[in-house]
Structures are given as C-alpha cells and as structure tokens.
C-alpha cells in the first residue's frame, strides 16, 4: 500500500463528490474567493477536515467499485452512459461497471438476477429501474447483504433501497401542467399524454400533471394516454395514429422518452410550432429540437451532479452514516433561456 495515498490532502473532485457541490464551488472556497454562501463555505470546510482524516487513516478504505444498472429507453441510456464517462475521466479512484437494457427488452427475472450478481462484486449500486415485484425483492436482498442501492431518477420506495436521488416527480408533472396552462390560449383544448413502462417517476409525473390541470385549467382535457416505450419510432407512430383519427391536439406532454419521434410526427402533419410540446431530458437531440422550434419546453436535471450525489451517499453508507434521499433541482429549458 502506498502511504502517500493516505497522507495527501483530499482533491477538489473528492470534496465535490463528498459535499454534492460542483468543483467550481469547492475551488472558490479553497481559494477564499467571493460568491459563496457562508453555509456552503462551512460545509466544504467540514468536508475537507473529514476527508483529511480518512486520508490519514489507512483503516478507512475509499469506495472503489460502483455498479450502474439501467433499465430505460435507448436515448436516456446514452445520456446516462455519456455522463458516467465524464465522471470516470475526473475520478480515476473508482472502478465502474455499466449494465444497460432497453426497456422493451427487459426480462424482470434476468434483470433481478443481474442486480444480485453485481452486488457480489460491488461496494454500491446505482439503479435506474421500473417498479416491479421481482426488482424490489432483489434490491431488498442486496441491501440486507450490506450493499447500498441508490435509485437514480426513478424511485423504488417499497424495496427498502438505501436512498433516492432525483427530482420530485409530482412537482415536475405539476410544473409541466402549469406551463401548459399558462402558455395555451384560455379556451377549451385537448391534451395528449405519452408515457412508457411502469416507472414510478412517470406515474407520479402524471398524477402531478392531472392534479394541476384539473384544479387550475379545467378548460384543458386529457383525452388519451399512449404508451411509447421510451423510443422515438414508437412515439412517432403513436402520435401519427392519433392525428389520423382525431383533430389536432392543443398540447402534448411526453412523460417518457422518444421526443424526436413526437417532433417528427408533428412535422409530418404540419403542426410544428402549432401544438405545444413539453418533454423531459435535455440532451443533444432535445436541445436541437428547442433551437429549431420543434419543442417548446424541456424539463431537465443535472445528471452529472446526481451521479456525484449517488456516489457520495454510497461512501457515507459504507462508512456507517445514515443518509436521506436527495431531491435535486428542476431545470426548465426553452429556446431562449433556462430557469432553475
């Protein structure tokens, strides 16, 4: 073992991971620059002291092995994988595995077995998964063995998972409804909902969306909800099928993936910019759709920050700390600006 590894001070990246702040914020605190709240400054200084103690005590080992397991649509899988690679570039002290399965190919039995297999060789698991009985059982078994499981983006509250990191989906759906109601003319209109498999985050987005629409904008009516399986091709076919059988809708709220397919269907019917289109996940593709006026609003979140939160929680669980869920900040993007 290299003694110098434990005698050196913690790096900026290590402090950022531990606190959940960005590296720029940590750097401002270390160099005593302005623009940092006192509460933030105090938290960073405490973290430095705690991490310094870990470096000086060779009996405390840092987390090394992290398993990402992701059941999602192909576009979200690519987004997560891209952000993981960015994180790995800056954090060579961790070893990562990444298992991804498009939701249309998921077999719950094999997926549950995969979780338990990864638990045998990992210090912690970061999991994106639908809410299913067998998955919940696998997570409970994993946590009971002492391996923390952090749910990312979509929660499994009945699984006894260690923590959840992500947005509050009820508030996110409510925000989508509020934006929909404020941006559309105050006349009777029809709204099309698009969803995917049994991900709790999408189910709760829908609850929040319906609640606000019903209370604040009763002139807007949800006529149909369509399953697009988080894929652009399915989304395109579903929206085109709807438009072939009905009058154009006033708005579309896509709670799932496949935004490019929705935009393609609207374009083929000459409805780009005429139907209010709200979706999720800021990526290269959705940013382009915003710039071209084919999407109106994208509800996003900082995936890189969320990954850092997940790893910080795993470290704390492994050191015996008790941790709470982390609700991250919703970011709303349109063509000209974005708001925290």
Foldseek 3Di string as FASTA:
>chain_A
DDLVQLQDFDDLLVLCLQQLHDSVLLVCLVVVHDDHDPVSSVSSVVSRVVSNVRSNDVVQDFFAEEEEEEEAAPVVLVVLVVLVVVSCVVCVRHDYDYHYDYNVPDDLVVSLVVLQVSLVPGLEYEYEDAADDSNLQSQLVSVVVVHAYEYEAFDHVSSPHQAYEEADLLVVLLVVLVVLQVPFPLAAFEEEEEEEPRGRSLVNSVVSNVVNCVPPRVSYYYDYYYYQSQAQQSLLVVVLVDVVPDPDTQEYEYAGHNLNNVLVNCVVVVCQLRHAYEYEDDDPVVLVCQQVSSYFKYKYFDSSSRVSNRSSSSRCSVVPHRDYYHHGDIWMDHNPDIDD
